[in-house]
Amino acid sequence: MKLREVNHVIKYHELFFFFIVDNNVRVLKIGEEQAPIFIGILNRKHISFEEKDGLFNIYKYLKRKK
């Protein structure tokens, strides 16, 4: 996976969900200490990013996106 293939990223606690160009989702666990550095990289690459604090169901989110 290359960052140029990523359309959107959602952070839920320590999990980052990457929405890839070919409609795949990849999940990466990043510690809270490294998260600000990684978010800075996403901002520099102009990749849309959102953070979910409450309950988050990835299955329902994907169904809504279709």
C-alpha atoms as a PDB file:
ATOM      1  CA  MET A   1       0.000   0.000   0.000  1.00  0.00           C
ATOM      2  CA  LYS A   2       1.331   3.415  -0.984  1.00  0.00           C
ATOM      3  CA  LEU A   3       0.044   6.679   0.458  1.00  0.00           C
ATOM      4  CA  ARG A   4      -0.901   7.933  -3.001  1.00  0.00           C
ATOM      5  CA  GLU A   5      -3.437   5.065  -3.197  1.00  0.00           C
ATOM      6  CA  VAL A   6      -5.193   6.170   0.022  1.00  0.00           C
ATOM      7  CA  ASN A   7      -8.404   8.203  -0.335  1.00  0.00           C
ATOM      8  CA  HIS A   8      -9.431   8.612   3.282  1.00  0.00           C
ATOM      9  CA  VAL A   9      -8.265   7.640   6.789  1.00  0.00           C
ATOM     10  CA  ILE A  10     -10.337   7.224   9.955  1.00  0.00           C
ATOM     11  CA  LYS A  11      -8.713   7.024  13.380  1.00  0.00           C
ATOM     12  CA  TYR A  12     -10.559   5.097  16.069  1.00  0.00           C
ATOM     13  CA  HIS A  13      -8.517   4.912  19.267  1.00  0.00           C
ATOM     14  CA  GLU A  14      -5.235   3.258  18.178  1.00  0.00           C
ATOM     15  CA  LEU A  15      -6.633   1.867  14.924  1.00  0.00           C
ATOM     16  CA  PHE A  16      -6.260   3.652  11.602  1.00  0.00           C
ATOM     17  CA  PHE A  17      -8.614   2.534   8.815  1.00  0.00           C
ATOM     18  CA  PHE A  18      -7.208   3.247   5.348  1.00  0.00           C
ATOM     19  CA  PHE A  19      -9.698   3.460   2.485  1.00  0.00           C
ATOM     20  CA  ILE A  20      -7.773   2.498  -0.644  1.00  0.00           C
ATOM     21  CA  VAL A  21      -8.502   3.489  -4.261  1.00  0.00           C
ATOM     22  CA  ASP A  22      -9.652  -0.025  -5.239  1.00  0.00           C
ATOM     23  CA  ASN A  23     -12.393  -0.059  -2.518  1.00  0.00           C
ATOM     24  CA  ASN A  24     -10.324  -2.004  -0.008  1.00  0.00           C
ATOM     25  CA  VAL A  25      -9.876  -1.163   3.647  1.00  0.00           C
ATOM     26  CA  ARG A  26      -6.627  -1.721   5.516  1.00  0.00           C
ATOM     27  CA  VAL A  27      -6.241  -1.425   9.277  1.00  0.00           C
ATOM     28  CA  LEU A  28      -3.079  -0.373  11.046  1.00  0.00           C
ATOM     29  CA  LYS A  29      -2.544  -0.074  14.787  1.00  0.00           C
ATOM     30  CA  ILE A  30      -0.434   2.937  15.726  1.00  0.00           C
ATOM     31  CA  GLY A  31       0.396   3.858  19.311  1.00  0.00           C
ATOM     32  CA  GLU A  32      -0.873   7.129  20.769  1.00  0.00           C
ATOM     33  CA  GLU A  33       2.672   8.537  20.919  1.00  0.00           C
ATOM     34  CA  GLN A  34       3.278   8.031  17.181  1.00  0.00           C
ATOM     35  CA  ALA A  35      -0.238   9.039  16.075  1.00  0.00           C
ATOM     36  CA  PRO A  36       0.425  12.841  15.909  1.00  0.00           C
ATOM     37  CA  ILE A  37       3.463  12.253  13.700  1.00  0.00           C
ATOM     38  CA  PHE A  38       1.466  10.018  11.391  1.00  0.00           C
ATOM     39  CA  ILE A  39      -1.444  12.479  11.245  1.00  0.00           C
ATOM     40  CA  GLY A  40       1.043  15.188  10.264  1.00  0.00           C
ATOM     41  CA  ILE A  41       2.196  13.028   7.343  1.00  0.00           C
ATOM     42  CA  LEU A  42      -1.423  12.557   6.217  1.00  0.00           C
ATOM     43  CA  ASN A  43      -1.985  16.325   6.318  1.00  0.00           C
ATOM     44  CA  ARG A  44       1.166  17.023   4.286  1.00  0.00           C
ATOM     45  CA  LYS A  45       0.026  14.486   1.678  1.00  0.00           C
ATOM     46  CA  HIS A  46      -3.480  16.096   1.604  1.00  0.00           C
ATOM     47  CA  ILE A  47      -5.235  12.855   2.572  1.00  0.00           C
ATOM     48  CA  SER A  48      -8.619  13.404   4.204  1.00  0.00           C
ATOM     49  CA  PHE A  49      -8.649  12.351   7.826  1.00  0.00           C
ATOM     50  CA  GLU A  50     -11.259  12.093  10.549  1.00  0.00           C
ATOM     51  CA  GLU A  51     -11.191  10.900  14.124  1.00  0.00           C
ATOM     52  CA  LYS A  52     -14.015   8.930  15.735  1.00  0.00           C
ATOM     53  CA  ASP A  53     -14.330   9.148  19.518  1.00  0.00           C
ATOM     54  CA  GLY A  54     -17.641   7.395  20.161  1.00  0.00           C
ATOM     55  CA  LEU A  55     -18.721   3.951  19.088  1.00  0.00           C
ATOM     56  CA  PHE A  56     -17.684   3.165  15.523  1.00  0.00           C
ATOM     57  CA  ASN A  57     -18.893   0.260  13.409  1.00  0.00           C
ATOM     58  CA  ILE A  58     -16.784  -0.094  10.260  1.00  0.00           C
ATOM     59  CA  TYR A  59     -19.324  -2.455   8.676  1.00  0.00           C
ATOM     60  CA  LYS A  60     -22.151   0.092   8.939  1.00  0.00           C
ATOM     61  CA  TYR A  61     -19.827   2.854   7.736  1.00  0.00           C
ATOM     62  CA  LEU A  62     -18.942   0.875   4.587  1.00  0.00           C
ATOM     63  CA  LYS A  63     -22.596   0.059   3.860  1.00  0.00           C
ATOM     64  CA  ARG A  64     -23.481   3.770   4.104  1.00  0.00           C
ATOM     65  CA  LYS A  65     -20.661   4.692   1.685  1.00  0.00           C
ATOM     66  CA  LYS A  66     -21.992   2.421  -1.127  1.00  0.00           C
END
